[in-house]
Amino acid sequence: MIITIDGPAAAGKGTVSKVLSERYKLSYFDTGMIYRAVGLEMVKNGFDLSDEEKALFVAQNMTFEKMMALSCDKDFRTDIGGQAASKVSSITSVRQALLKMQRDFALFPVFADGTKANGVIYDGRDTGTVICPDADIKFFVTASTEVRAMRRFKEFEAKGIDTTYQKVLDDMISRDKRDAERQTAPMKPADDAVILDTSNMSAEAEIDAVIKIVEEKLKEKK
């Protein structure tokens, strides 16, 4: 079984993806990690994030091992990593270079310890439209920009990251604009995706709603 969870930053994709992964014994693939890894590698090397040649070189030489090592960096999950990911992901050649790695994972999905999984759940911005257009179940999880910015601001605050709500909001608006306007795989829901607005939903309510939909879809397939 393949499930894709698309949507903008801080909409609740990661939370619901991890719950579904555990419930249905699916491997979890956060596709945004690859772009964060490429973007952060660019930043650490002092490269201009708009330099397509250098970004492509970094993408072509990115491995799962290198990605996991970079994921331990203090800036990986901060706004530095997020903004860097957004900028390099708008480069068409970079997306093409990383596409095969993402698609191939669905052929032989495994957990971190190497054991076989029942399938995969993809968490990312174009998982249902580009990476796995034939996925069994597709979701597009979204929320208002203000709600998402407040969620991300509280995350940063909890981690002791010094920032302001306004900065987080401004950065999110810029990131959404880049994601929506990029030439390759602009952020949008797949035609057959279930759209879920979590603006006024708790994490528990979101999870319950998604599980209900998955169960209904599974019954339809039997």
N, C-alpha and C. Protein backbone atom coordinates (compact mmCIF):
# COMPACT_ATOMS: atom_id res chain seq x y z
N MET A 1 0.85 -1.20 0.00
CA MET A 1 0.00 0.00 0.00
C MET A 1 0.88 1.25 0.00
N ILE A 2 0.51 2.20 -0.81
CA ILE A 2 1.23 3.47 -0.87
C ILE A 2 0.26 4.60 -0.56
N ILE A 3 0.62 5.43 0.42
CA ILE A 3 -0.18 6.59 0.79
C ILE A 3 0.69 7.83 0.64
N THR A 4 0.16 8.87 0.04
CA THR A 4 0.91 10.12 -0.09
C THR A 4 0.21 11.21 0.72
N ILE A 5 1.02 12.02 1.37
CA ILE A 5 0.52 13.15 2.16
C ILE A 5 1.19 14.42 1.63
N ASP A 6 0.47 15.15 0.81
CA ASP A 6 0.99 16.41 0.27
C ASP A 6 0.51 17.57 1.12
N GLY A 7 1.07 18.75 0.86
CA GLY A 7 0.60 19.95 1.53
C GLY A 7 1.73 20.88 1.91
N PRO A 8 1.39 22.10 2.29
CA PRO A 8 2.41 23.10 2.66
C PRO A 8 3.03 22.84 4.02
N ALA A 9 4.03 23.62 4.36
CA ALA A 9 4.74 23.48 5.63
C ALA A 9 3.81 23.69 6.83
N ALA A 10 4.03 22.89 7.88
CA ALA A 10 3.32 23.01 9.16
C ALA A 10 1.81 22.82 9.04
N ALA A 11 1.39 22.06 8.03
CA ALA A 11 -0.04 21.78 7.87
C ALA A 11 -0.46 20.58 8.71
N GLY A 12 0.53 19.76 9.12
CA GLY A 12 0.24 18.57 9.91
C GLY A 12 0.57 17.28 9.19
N LYS A 13 1.33 17.38 8.09
CA LYS A 13 1.68 16.19 7.30
C LYS A 13 2.49 15.18 8.09
N GLY A 14 3.53 15.67 8.76
CA GLY A 14 4.43 14.78 9.47
C GLY A 14 3.75 14.04 10.60
N THR A 15 2.93 14.74 11.35
CA THR A 15 2.23 14.13 12.49
C THR A 15 1.37 12.96 12.06
N VAL A 16 0.53 13.20 11.06
CA VAL A 16 -0.38 12.15 10.61
C VAL A 16 0.37 11.04 9.88
N SER A 17 1.43 11.38 9.17
CA SER A 17 2.22 10.38 8.44
C SER A 17 2.83 9.36 9.39
N LYS A 18 3.37 9.83 10.49
CA LYS A 18 4.02 8.93 11.44
C LYS A 18 3.01 8.01 12.12
N VAL A 19 1.83 8.53 12.40
CA VAL A 19 0.79 7.70 13.01
C VAL A 19 0.33 6.62 12.04
N LEU A 20 0.12 6.99 10.77
CA LEU A 20 -0.31 6.01 9.77
C LEU A 20 0.78 4.97 9.54
N SER A 21 2.03 5.40 9.57
CA SER A 21 3.16 4.49 9.37
C SER A 21 3.14 3.39 10.43
N GLU A 22 2.94 3.77 11.68
CA GLU A 22 2.93 2.80 12.77
C GLU A 22 1.68 1.92 12.72
N ARG A 23 0.55 2.52 12.44
CA ARG A 23 -0.73 1.78 12.46
C ARG A 23 -0.79 0.72 11.37
N TYR A 24 -0.31 1.06 10.17
CA TYR A 24 -0.45 0.15 9.03
C TYR A 24 0.87 -0.53 8.64
N LYS A 25 1.89 -0.38 9.48
CA LYS A 25 3.20 -1.01 9.24
C LYS A 25 3.79 -0.59 7.90
N LEU A 26 3.75 0.72 7.66
CA LEU A 26 4.29 1.28 6.43
C LEU A 26 5.60 2.02 6.74
N SER A 27 6.53 1.95 5.82
CA SER A 27 7.77 2.71 5.97
C SER A 27 7.46 4.18 5.74
N TYR A 28 8.11 5.05 6.49
CA TYR A 28 7.85 6.50 6.39
C TYR A 28 8.99 7.19 5.65
N PHE A 29 8.63 7.89 4.58
CA PHE A 29 9.64 8.60 3.79
C PHE A 29 9.27 10.08 3.75
N ASP A 30 10.04 10.89 4.46
CA ASP A 30 9.88 12.34 4.45
C ASP A 30 10.72 12.88 3.30
N THR A 31 10.08 13.13 2.15
CA THR A 31 10.84 13.55 0.97
C THR A 31 11.49 14.91 1.16
N GLY A 32 10.93 15.72 2.05
CA GLY A 32 11.52 17.03 2.29
C GLY A 32 12.91 16.94 2.89
N MET A 33 13.22 15.80 3.53
CA MET A 33 14.54 15.63 4.13
C MET A 33 15.64 15.70 3.08
N ILE A 34 15.35 15.18 1.89
CA ILE A 34 16.37 15.19 0.84
C ILE A 34 16.70 16.62 0.43
N TYR A 35 15.64 17.43 0.27
CA TYR A 35 15.87 18.82 -0.13
C TYR A 35 16.51 19.63 1.00
N ARG A 36 16.15 19.31 2.24
CA ARG A 36 16.81 19.97 3.37
C ARG A 36 18.30 19.61 3.39
N ALA A 37 18.59 18.36 3.10
CA ALA A 37 19.98 17.91 3.10
C ALA A 37 20.78 18.63 2.02
N VAL A 38 20.21 18.72 0.82
CA VAL A 38 20.90 19.41 -0.28
C VAL A 38 21.07 20.89 0.06
N GLY A 39 20.00 21.51 0.55
CA GLY A 39 20.06 22.94 0.89
C GLY A 39 21.05 23.22 1.99
N LEU A 40 21.05 22.39 3.04
CA LEU A 40 21.96 22.61 4.15
C LEU A 40 23.41 22.37 3.75
N GLU A 41 23.63 21.38 2.89
CA GLU A 41 24.98 21.14 2.38
C GLU A 41 25.48 22.36 1.60
N MET A 42 24.59 22.98 0.86
CA MET A 42 24.94 24.21 0.13
C MET A 42 25.33 25.32 1.13
N VAL A 43 24.50 25.48 2.16
CA VAL A 43 24.75 26.52 3.16
C VAL A 43 26.08 26.27 3.87
N LYS A 44 26.31 25.03 4.28
CA LYS A 44 27.54 24.70 5.03
C LYS A 44 28.79 24.92 4.18
N ASN A 45 28.65 24.80 2.87
CA ASN A 45 29.79 25.01 1.98
C ASN A 45 29.90 26.46 1.49
N GLY A 46 28.97 27.29 1.95
CA GLY A 46 29.00 28.70 1.56
C GLY A 46 28.57 28.95 0.13
N PHE A 47 27.81 28.02 -0.47
CA PHE A 47 27.37 28.18 -1.85
C PHE A 47 26.11 29.05 -1.92
N ASP A 48 25.99 29.77 -2.99
CA ASP A 48 24.78 30.56 -3.26
C ASP A 48 23.65 29.58 -3.57
N LEU A 49 22.54 29.68 -2.85
CA LEU A 49 21.44 28.73 -3.01
C LEU A 49 20.78 28.81 -4.38
N SER A 50 21.05 29.87 -5.11
CA SER A 50 20.47 29.99 -6.46
C SER A 50 21.44 29.50 -7.54
N ASP A 51 22.61 28.99 -7.12
CA ASP A 51 23.62 28.51 -8.07
C ASP A 51 23.21 27.11 -8.53
N GLU A 52 22.62 27.01 -9.70
CA GLU A 52 22.09 25.74 -10.18
C GLU A 52 23.18 24.70 -10.37
N GLU A 53 24.33 25.09 -10.89
CA GLU A 53 25.40 24.13 -11.13
C GLU A 53 25.87 23.46 -9.84
N LYS A 54 26.07 24.26 -8.79
CA LYS A 54 26.53 23.70 -7.52
C LYS A 54 25.42 22.90 -6.85
N ALA A 55 24.18 23.38 -6.95
CA ALA A 55 23.05 22.66 -6.34
C ALA A 55 22.86 21.31 -7.00
N LEU A 56 23.01 21.26 -8.31
CA LEU A 56 22.88 19.99 -9.03
C LEU A 56 23.99 19.03 -8.64
N PHE A 57 25.20 19.55 -8.49
CA PHE A 57 26.33 18.71 -8.08
C PHE A 57 26.07 18.08 -6.71
N VAL A 58 25.58 18.90 -5.78
CA VAL A 58 25.29 18.41 -4.43
C VAL A 58 24.18 17.36 -4.48
N ALA A 59 23.15 17.62 -5.28
CA ALA A 59 22.01 16.69 -5.40
C ALA A 59 22.46 15.35 -5.99
N GLN A 60 23.28 15.42 -7.01
CA GLN A 60 23.73 14.19 -7.68
C GLN A 60 24.62 13.34 -6.78
N ASN A 61 25.24 13.97 -5.79
CA ASN A 61 26.13 13.24 -4.89
C ASN A 61 25.51 12.99 -3.52
N MET A 62 24.22 13.28 -3.40
CA MET A 62 23.54 13.05 -2.13
C MET A 62 23.19 11.57 -1.98
N THR A 63 23.46 11.02 -0.81
CA THR A 63 23.14 9.62 -0.52
C THR A 63 22.27 9.58 0.73
N PHE A 64 21.61 8.45 0.98
CA PHE A 64 20.80 8.32 2.18
C PHE A 64 21.67 8.48 3.43
N GLU A 65 22.88 7.93 3.38
CA GLU A 65 23.79 8.02 4.51
C GLU A 65 24.16 9.47 4.81
N LYS A 66 24.46 10.23 3.75
CA LYS A 66 24.82 11.64 3.92
C LYS A 66 23.62 12.43 4.42
N MET A 67 22.43 12.10 3.87
CA MET A 67 21.20 12.78 4.29
C MET A 67 20.95 12.57 5.78
N MET A 68 21.13 11.32 6.26
CA MET A 68 20.89 11.03 7.66
C MET A 68 21.92 11.73 8.56
N ALA A 69 23.15 11.85 8.08
CA ALA A 69 24.17 12.55 8.85
C ALA A 69 23.82 14.04 8.96
N LEU A 70 23.39 14.63 7.86
CA LEU A 70 23.01 16.04 7.86
C LEU A 70 21.78 16.29 8.71
N SER A 71 20.91 15.28 8.82
CA SER A 71 19.67 15.45 9.60
C SER A 71 19.96 15.65 11.09
N CYS A 72 21.19 15.34 11.51
CA CYS A 72 21.58 15.52 12.91
C CYS A 72 22.13 16.92 13.16
N ASP A 73 22.32 17.69 12.10
CA ASP A 73 22.85 19.05 12.24
C ASP A 73 21.82 19.94 12.95
N LYS A 74 22.29 20.85 13.77
CA LYS A 74 21.41 21.72 14.56
C LYS A 74 20.50 22.58 13.70
N ASP A 75 20.89 22.86 12.46
CA ASP A 75 20.09 23.74 11.59
C ASP A 75 19.16 22.97 10.66
N PHE A 76 19.21 21.64 10.70
CA PHE A 76 18.45 20.84 9.73
C PHE A 76 16.95 21.11 9.83
N ARG A 77 16.40 21.14 11.04
CA ARG A 77 14.96 21.33 11.22
C ARG A 77 14.58 22.76 11.58
N THR A 78 15.53 23.67 11.50
CA THR A 78 15.21 25.07 11.78
C THR A 78 14.78 25.75 10.48
N ASP A 79 14.49 27.04 10.59
CA ASP A 79 14.07 27.79 9.41
C ASP A 79 15.20 27.90 8.40
N ILE A 80 16.44 27.79 8.86
CA ILE A 80 17.59 27.82 7.94
C ILE A 80 17.49 26.65 6.97
N GLY A 81 17.26 25.46 7.53
CA GLY A 81 17.11 24.27 6.69
C GLY A 81 15.88 24.32 5.83
N GLY A 82 14.78 24.83 6.37
CA GLY A 82 13.54 24.91 5.62
C GLY A 82 13.62 25.86 4.44
N GLN A 83 14.18 27.04 4.66
CA GLN A 83 14.31 28.02 3.58
C GLN A 83 15.29 27.52 2.51
N ALA A 84 16.38 26.89 2.95
CA ALA A 84 17.35 26.36 2.00
C ALA A 84 16.72 25.29 1.14
N ALA A 85 15.91 24.42 1.78
CA ALA A 85 15.22 23.35 1.04
C ALA A 85 14.27 23.93 0.01
N SER A 86 13.51 24.95 0.41
CA SER A 86 12.55 25.56 -0.50
C SER A 86 13.23 26.16 -1.73
N LYS A 87 14.39 26.78 -1.51
CA LYS A 87 15.09 27.44 -2.62
C LYS A 87 15.72 26.43 -3.59
N VAL A 88 16.37 25.40 -3.07
CA VAL A 88 16.99 24.44 -3.99
C VAL A 88 15.94 23.56 -4.67
N SER A 89 14.79 23.34 -3.99
CA SER A 89 13.75 22.50 -4.58
C SER A 89 13.04 23.18 -5.74
N SER A 90 13.25 24.49 -5.89
CA SER A 90 12.63 25.20 -7.01
C SER A 90 13.48 25.09 -8.27
N ILE A 91 14.66 24.46 -8.15
CA ILE A 91 15.55 24.28 -9.30
C ILE A 91 15.19 22.97 -10.01
N THR A 92 14.75 23.06 -11.24
CA THR A 92 14.25 21.91 -11.98
C THR A 92 15.24 20.75 -12.04
N SER A 93 16.49 21.03 -12.34
CA SER A 93 17.50 19.97 -12.48
C SER A 93 17.72 19.24 -11.16
N VAL A 94 17.60 19.95 -10.04
CA VAL A 94 17.77 19.34 -8.73
C VAL A 94 16.63 18.37 -8.46
N ARG A 95 15.42 18.78 -8.76
CA ARG A 95 14.25 17.92 -8.55
C ARG A 95 14.37 16.65 -9.41
N GLN A 96 14.82 16.82 -10.64
CA GLN A 96 14.96 15.67 -11.53
C GLN A 96 16.03 14.71 -11.02
N ALA A 97 17.11 15.26 -10.49
CA ALA A 97 18.21 14.43 -9.99
C ALA A 97 17.79 13.59 -8.78
N LEU A 98 16.88 14.12 -7.97
CA LEU A 98 16.46 13.44 -6.75
C LEU A 98 15.20 12.58 -6.93
N LEU A 99 14.54 12.72 -8.07
CA LEU A 99 13.27 12.03 -8.29
C LEU A 99 13.41 10.51 -8.26
N LYS A 100 14.43 9.98 -8.93
CA LYS A 100 14.59 8.53 -9.00
C LYS A 100 14.78 7.92 -7.61
N MET A 101 15.59 8.56 -6.78
CA MET A 101 15.83 8.07 -5.44
C MET A 101 14.51 7.95 -4.67
N GLN A 102 13.65 8.94 -4.83
CA GLN A 102 12.38 8.95 -4.12
C GLN A 102 11.41 7.90 -4.66
N ARG A 103 11.34 7.78 -5.98
CA ARG A 103 10.43 6.81 -6.59
C ARG A 103 10.84 5.37 -6.30
N ASP A 104 12.13 5.11 -6.36
CA ASP A 104 12.63 3.74 -6.18
C ASP A 104 12.30 3.17 -4.81
N PHE A 105 12.14 4.04 -3.83
CA PHE A 105 11.89 3.55 -2.48
C PHE A 105 10.56 2.79 -2.40
N ALA A 106 9.60 3.16 -3.23
CA ALA A 106 8.29 2.50 -3.22
C ALA A 106 8.37 1.07 -3.74
N LEU A 107 9.41 0.75 -4.52
CA LEU A 107 9.55 -0.59 -5.09
C LEU A 107 9.94 -1.61 -4.03
N PHE A 108 10.80 -1.20 -3.09
CA PHE A 108 11.25 -2.11 -2.03
C PHE A 108 11.27 -1.36 -0.70
N PRO A 109 10.09 -1.02 -0.18
CA PRO A 109 10.04 -0.25 1.07
C PRO A 109 10.51 -1.05 2.28
N VAL A 110 11.38 -0.45 3.06
CA VAL A 110 11.90 -1.10 4.27
C VAL A 110 11.90 -0.09 5.41
N PHE A 111 11.97 -0.62 6.64
CA PHE A 111 12.10 0.23 7.81
C PHE A 111 13.57 0.57 8.02
N ALA A 112 13.84 1.42 8.99
CA ALA A 112 15.22 1.87 9.24
C ALA A 112 16.16 0.71 9.55
N ASP A 113 15.60 -0.37 10.14
CA ASP A 113 16.45 -1.51 10.49
C ASP A 113 16.61 -2.51 9.34
N GLY A 114 16.03 -2.18 8.17
CA GLY A 114 16.18 -3.03 7.00
C GLY A 114 15.09 -4.07 6.81
N THR A 115 14.17 -4.19 7.78
CA THR A 115 13.08 -5.17 7.63
C THR A 115 12.05 -4.66 6.63
N LYS A 116 11.37 -5.61 5.97
CA LYS A 116 10.41 -5.26 4.93
C LYS A 116 9.16 -4.62 5.51
N ALA A 117 8.65 -3.61 4.82
CA ALA A 117 7.43 -2.92 5.24
C ALA A 117 6.26 -3.32 4.35
N ASN A 118 5.04 -3.06 4.82
CA ASN A 118 3.84 -3.38 4.04
C ASN A 118 3.61 -2.40 2.89
N GLY A 119 4.42 -1.38 2.87
CA GLY A 119 4.28 -0.33 1.85
C GLY A 119 4.98 0.90 2.35
N VAL A 120 4.62 2.03 1.80
CA VAL A 120 5.29 3.27 2.19
C VAL A 120 4.30 4.43 2.27
N ILE A 121 4.56 5.32 3.21
CA ILE A 121 3.80 6.55 3.28
C ILE A 121 4.77 7.69 2.97
N TYR A 122 4.45 8.43 1.93
CA TYR A 122 5.29 9.55 1.50
C TYR A 122 4.75 10.85 2.08
N ASP A 123 5.62 11.62 2.69
CA ASP A 123 5.28 12.91 3.25
C ASP A 123 6.08 13.95 2.47
N GLY A 124 5.39 14.80 1.70
CA GLY A 124 6.10 15.80 0.91
C GLY A 124 5.17 16.64 0.07
N ARG A 125 5.75 17.54 -0.72
CA ARG A 125 4.93 18.50 -1.44
C ARG A 125 4.43 18.03 -2.81
N ASP A 126 5.05 17.06 -3.44
CA ASP A 126 4.58 16.62 -4.75
C ASP A 126 4.51 15.09 -4.81
N THR A 127 4.28 14.49 -3.66
CA THR A 127 4.30 13.03 -3.59
C THR A 127 3.14 12.39 -4.35
N GLY A 128 1.98 13.02 -4.33
CA GLY A 128 0.83 12.45 -5.01
C GLY A 128 0.71 12.84 -6.46
N THR A 129 1.42 13.89 -6.86
CA THR A 129 1.33 14.37 -8.24
C THR A 129 2.50 13.92 -9.10
N VAL A 130 3.69 13.77 -8.50
CA VAL A 130 4.89 13.46 -9.27
C VAL A 130 5.56 12.16 -8.83
N ILE A 131 5.85 12.05 -7.55
CA ILE A 131 6.61 10.89 -7.07
C ILE A 131 5.81 9.59 -7.18
N CYS A 132 4.58 9.60 -6.69
CA CYS A 132 3.73 8.40 -6.74
C CYS A 132 2.32 8.75 -7.23
N PRO A 133 2.19 9.11 -8.50
CA PRO A 133 0.86 9.47 -9.02
C PRO A 133 -0.12 8.30 -9.01
N ASP A 134 0.37 7.07 -8.87
CA ASP A 134 -0.50 5.90 -8.82
C ASP A 134 -0.69 5.38 -7.40
N ALA A 135 -0.44 6.21 -6.41
CA ALA A 135 -0.59 5.81 -5.01
C ALA A 135 -2.02 5.34 -4.73
N ASP A 136 -2.15 4.43 -3.78
CA ASP A 136 -3.46 3.89 -3.43
C ASP A 136 -4.37 4.94 -2.80
N ILE A 137 -3.80 5.75 -1.93
CA ILE A 137 -4.57 6.79 -1.24
C ILE A 137 -3.74 8.07 -1.21
N LYS A 138 -4.38 9.20 -1.55
CA LYS A 138 -3.67 10.48 -1.56
C LYS A 138 -4.40 11.50 -0.70
N PHE A 139 -3.61 12.24 0.07
CA PHE A 139 -4.16 13.32 0.88
C PHE A 139 -3.45 14.62 0.52
N PHE A 140 -4.17 15.72 0.65
CA PHE A 140 -3.55 17.05 0.58
C PHE A 140 -3.97 17.75 1.86
N VAL A 141 -3.02 17.85 2.80
CA VAL A 141 -3.30 18.43 4.11
C VAL A 141 -2.87 19.90 4.11
N THR A 142 -3.77 20.78 4.48
CA THR A 142 -3.45 22.20 4.45
C THR A 142 -4.04 22.91 5.66
N ALA A 143 -3.76 24.20 5.78
CA ALA A 143 -4.29 25.05 6.85
C ALA A 143 -3.98 26.48 6.46
N SER A 144 -4.61 27.43 7.11
CA SER A 144 -4.36 28.83 6.79
C SER A 144 -2.90 29.17 7.07
N THR A 145 -2.39 30.15 6.37
CA THR A 145 -0.98 30.56 6.55
C THR A 145 -0.72 30.98 7.98
N GLU A 146 -1.66 31.73 8.58
CA GLU A 146 -1.47 32.23 9.94
C GLU A 146 -1.42 31.08 10.95
N VAL A 147 -2.29 30.10 10.78
CA VAL A 147 -2.30 28.95 11.68
C VAL A 147 -1.00 28.16 11.55
N ARG A 148 -0.56 27.95 10.34
CA ARG A 148 0.67 27.18 10.11
C ARG A 148 1.89 27.92 10.67
N ALA A 149 1.90 29.25 10.50
CA ALA A 149 3.02 30.05 11.01
C ALA A 149 3.06 29.98 12.54
N MET A 150 1.89 30.01 13.18
CA MET A 150 1.86 29.94 14.64
C MET A 150 2.32 28.56 15.12
N ARG A 151 1.93 27.51 14.41
CA ARG A 151 2.38 26.16 14.78
C ARG A 151 3.90 26.07 14.69
N ARG A 152 4.46 26.58 13.60
CA ARG A 152 5.90 26.51 13.41
C ARG A 152 6.62 27.39 14.44
N PHE A 153 6.06 28.56 14.73
CA PHE A 153 6.66 29.46 15.73
C PHE A 153 6.73 28.77 17.09
N LYS A 154 5.64 28.07 17.48
CA LYS A 154 5.62 27.37 18.76
C LYS A 154 6.62 26.22 18.78
N GLU A 155 6.81 25.56 17.63
CA GLU A 155 7.81 24.50 17.53
C GLU A 155 9.20 25.07 17.80
N PHE A 156 9.50 26.20 17.14
CA PHE A 156 10.81 26.83 17.31
C PHE A 156 11.00 27.29 18.76
N GLU A 157 9.93 27.85 19.33
CA GLU A 157 9.99 28.34 20.70
C GLU A 157 10.31 27.19 21.66
N ALA A 158 9.66 26.05 21.45
CA ALA A 158 9.86 24.88 22.30
C ALA A 158 11.29 24.36 22.21
N LYS A 159 11.91 24.56 21.04
CA LYS A 159 13.28 24.11 20.83
C LYS A 159 14.31 25.16 21.25
N GLY A 160 13.82 26.31 21.72
CA GLY A 160 14.73 27.37 22.15
C GLY A 160 15.32 28.16 21.00
N ILE A 161 14.69 28.10 19.83
CA ILE A 161 15.17 28.83 18.66
C ILE A 161 14.68 30.28 18.72
N ASP A 162 15.58 31.22 18.65
CA ASP A 162 15.25 32.63 18.77
C ASP A 162 14.69 33.18 17.46
N THR A 163 13.41 33.48 17.45
CA THR A 163 12.76 34.05 16.27
C THR A 163 11.49 34.75 16.71
N THR A 164 10.74 35.30 15.77
CA THR A 164 9.48 35.95 16.08
C THR A 164 8.38 35.38 15.19
N TYR A 165 7.16 35.52 15.65
CA TYR A 165 6.03 35.02 14.86
C TYR A 165 6.00 35.70 13.49
N GLN A 166 6.24 37.02 13.47
CA GLN A 166 6.18 37.76 12.21
C GLN A 166 7.22 37.27 11.22
N LYS A 167 8.42 36.97 11.71
CA LYS A 167 9.47 36.45 10.81
C LYS A 167 9.07 35.09 10.26
N VAL A 168 8.54 34.24 11.12
CA VAL A 168 8.11 32.92 10.67
C VAL A 168 6.99 33.06 9.64
N LEU A 169 6.05 33.96 9.89
CA LEU A 169 4.94 34.19 8.96
C LEU A 169 5.46 34.70 7.61
N ASP A 170 6.35 35.69 7.65
CA ASP A 170 6.89 36.26 6.40
C ASP A 170 7.64 35.19 5.60
N ASP A 171 8.44 34.39 6.30
CA ASP A 171 9.20 33.33 5.63
C ASP A 171 8.27 32.28 5.03
N MET A 172 7.18 31.98 5.73
CA MET A 172 6.24 30.98 5.25
C MET A 172 5.50 31.48 4.00
N ILE A 173 5.14 32.75 4.00
CA ILE A 173 4.48 33.34 2.83
C ILE A 173 5.41 33.26 1.62
N SER A 174 6.69 33.60 1.83
CA SER A 174 7.67 33.55 0.73
C SER A 174 7.86 32.11 0.25
N ARG A 175 7.92 31.19 1.19
CA ARG A 175 8.12 29.78 0.84
C ARG A 175 6.93 29.22 0.07
N ASP A 176 5.73 29.54 0.53
CA ASP A 176 4.52 29.08 -0.17
C ASP A 176 4.48 29.61 -1.60
N LYS A 177 4.91 30.86 -1.76
CA LYS A 177 4.91 31.48 -3.08
C LYS A 177 5.88 30.76 -4.01
N ARG A 178 7.08 30.45 -3.50
CA ARG A 178 8.06 29.72 -4.31
C ARG A 178 7.54 28.34 -4.67
N ASP A 179 6.96 27.66 -3.70
CA ASP A 179 6.47 26.31 -3.94
C ASP A 179 5.34 26.29 -4.96
N ALA A 180 4.50 27.30 -4.93
CA ALA A 180 3.35 27.34 -5.83
C ALA A 180 3.73 27.78 -7.24
N GLU A 181 4.81 28.56 -7.35
CA GLU A 181 5.17 29.14 -8.65
C GLU A 181 6.33 28.43 -9.36
N ARG A 182 6.95 27.44 -8.71
CA ARG A 182 8.08 26.79 -9.37
C ARG A 182 7.59 26.09 -10.64
N GLN A 183 8.45 26.05 -11.64
CA GLN A 183 8.07 25.51 -12.95
C GLN A 183 7.86 24.00 -12.91
N THR A 184 8.70 23.30 -12.15
CA THR A 184 8.58 21.86 -12.06
C THR A 184 7.85 21.48 -10.78
N ALA A 185 6.77 20.72 -10.92
CA ALA A 185 6.00 20.20 -9.78
C ALA A 185 5.59 21.29 -8.80
N PRO A 186 4.83 22.28 -9.25
CA PRO A 186 4.34 23.29 -8.31
C PRO A 186 3.43 22.63 -7.27
N MET A 187 3.39 23.19 -6.07
CA MET A 187 2.59 22.60 -5.00
C MET A 187 1.11 22.74 -5.30
N LYS A 188 0.43 21.63 -5.43
CA LYS A 188 -1.01 21.61 -5.66
C LYS A 188 -1.51 20.19 -5.36
N PRO A 189 -2.79 20.06 -5.02
CA PRO A 189 -3.31 18.72 -4.75
C PRO A 189 -3.49 17.90 -6.02
N ALA A 190 -3.30 16.60 -5.91
CA ALA A 190 -3.57 15.71 -7.05
C ALA A 190 -5.07 15.74 -7.31
N ASP A 191 -5.47 15.47 -8.53
CA ASP A 191 -6.89 15.53 -8.88
C ASP A 191 -7.73 14.58 -8.03
N ASP A 192 -7.15 13.46 -7.63
CA ASP A 192 -7.90 12.46 -6.85
C ASP A 192 -7.52 12.47 -5.37
N ALA A 193 -6.91 13.55 -4.90
CA ALA A 193 -6.52 13.63 -3.50
C ALA A 193 -7.68 14.04 -2.61
N VAL A 194 -7.68 13.54 -1.39
CA VAL A 194 -8.64 13.98 -0.37
C VAL A 194 -8.05 15.23 0.28
N ILE A 195 -8.73 16.35 0.18
CA ILE A 195 -8.22 17.61 0.74
C ILE A 195 -8.73 17.78 2.17
N LEU A 196 -7.81 17.99 3.09
CA LEU A 196 -8.15 18.12 4.50
C LEU A 196 -7.58 19.42 5.05
N ASP A 197 -8.47 20.34 5.45
CA ASP A 197 -8.06 21.62 6.04
C ASP A 197 -8.03 21.45 7.56
N THR A 198 -6.85 21.59 8.13
CA THR A 198 -6.68 21.36 9.57
C THR A 198 -6.63 22.65 10.39
N SER A 199 -7.04 23.76 9.78
CA SER A 199 -6.94 25.07 10.45
C SER A 199 -7.61 25.06 11.82
N ASN A 200 -8.77 24.42 11.91
CA ASN A 200 -9.52 24.41 13.17
C ASN A 200 -9.59 23.02 13.78
N MET A 201 -8.58 22.20 13.48
CA MET A 201 -8.56 20.83 13.99
C MET A 201 -7.39 20.62 14.94
N SER A 202 -7.61 19.84 15.98
CA SER A 202 -6.51 19.44 16.84
C SER A 202 -5.77 18.31 16.15
N ALA A 203 -4.58 17.98 16.63
CA ALA A 203 -3.81 16.89 16.04
C ALA A 203 -4.61 15.58 16.14
N GLU A 204 -5.28 15.39 17.27
CA GLU A 204 -6.06 14.16 17.47
C GLU A 204 -7.22 14.07 16.47
N ALA A 205 -7.89 15.19 16.26
CA ALA A 205 -9.03 15.22 15.32
C ALA A 205 -8.55 14.96 13.89
N GLU A 206 -7.39 15.52 13.56
CA GLU A 206 -6.83 15.31 12.22
C GLU A 206 -6.51 13.83 12.00
N ILE A 207 -5.88 13.22 12.99
CA ILE A 207 -5.51 11.81 12.88
C ILE A 207 -6.76 10.93 12.75
N ASP A 208 -7.77 11.22 13.56
CA ASP A 208 -9.01 10.45 13.50
C ASP A 208 -9.67 10.56 12.12
N ALA A 209 -9.67 11.78 11.56
CA ALA A 209 -10.29 12.00 10.26
C ALA A 209 -9.56 11.24 9.16
N VAL A 210 -8.23 11.26 9.20
CA VAL A 210 -7.44 10.58 8.18
C VAL A 210 -7.60 9.06 8.29
N ILE A 211 -7.55 8.53 9.51
CA ILE A 211 -7.70 7.08 9.68
C ILE A 211 -9.07 6.62 9.18
N LYS A 212 -10.09 7.41 9.45
CA LYS A 212 -11.45 7.06 8.98
C LYS A 212 -11.48 6.97 7.46
N ILE A 213 -10.83 7.92 6.80
CA ILE A 213 -10.79 7.92 5.33
C ILE A 213 -10.01 6.73 4.80
N VAL A 214 -8.87 6.44 5.43
CA VAL A 214 -8.06 5.30 5.00
C VAL A 214 -8.85 4.00 5.14
N GLU A 215 -9.52 3.82 6.25
CA GLU A 215 -10.32 2.62 6.47
C GLU A 215 -11.42 2.48 5.43
N GLU A 216 -12.05 3.60 5.08
CA GLU A 216 -13.11 3.58 4.06
C GLU A 216 -12.53 3.20 2.71
N LYS A 217 -11.35 3.75 2.39
CA LYS A 217 -10.69 3.44 1.11
C LYS A 217 -10.30 1.96 1.03
N LEU A 218 -9.82 1.44 2.16
CA LEU A 218 -9.41 0.03 2.18
C LEU A 218 -10.63 -0.89 1.99
N LYS A 219 -11.75 -0.53 2.56
CA LYS A 219 -12.97 -1.33 2.40
C LYS A 219 -13.43 -1.33 0.95
N GLU A 220 -13.27 -0.17 0.29
CA GLU A 220 -13.67 -0.05 -1.13
C GLU A 220 -12.82 -0.96 -2.02
N LYS A 221 -11.55 -1.16 -1.62
CA LYS A 221 -10.63 -1.94 -2.45
C LYS A 221 -10.80 -3.44 -2.25
N LYS A 222 -11.48 -3.84 -1.18
CA LYS A 222 -11.66 -5.28 -0.91
C LYS A 222 -12.75 -5.87 -1.82
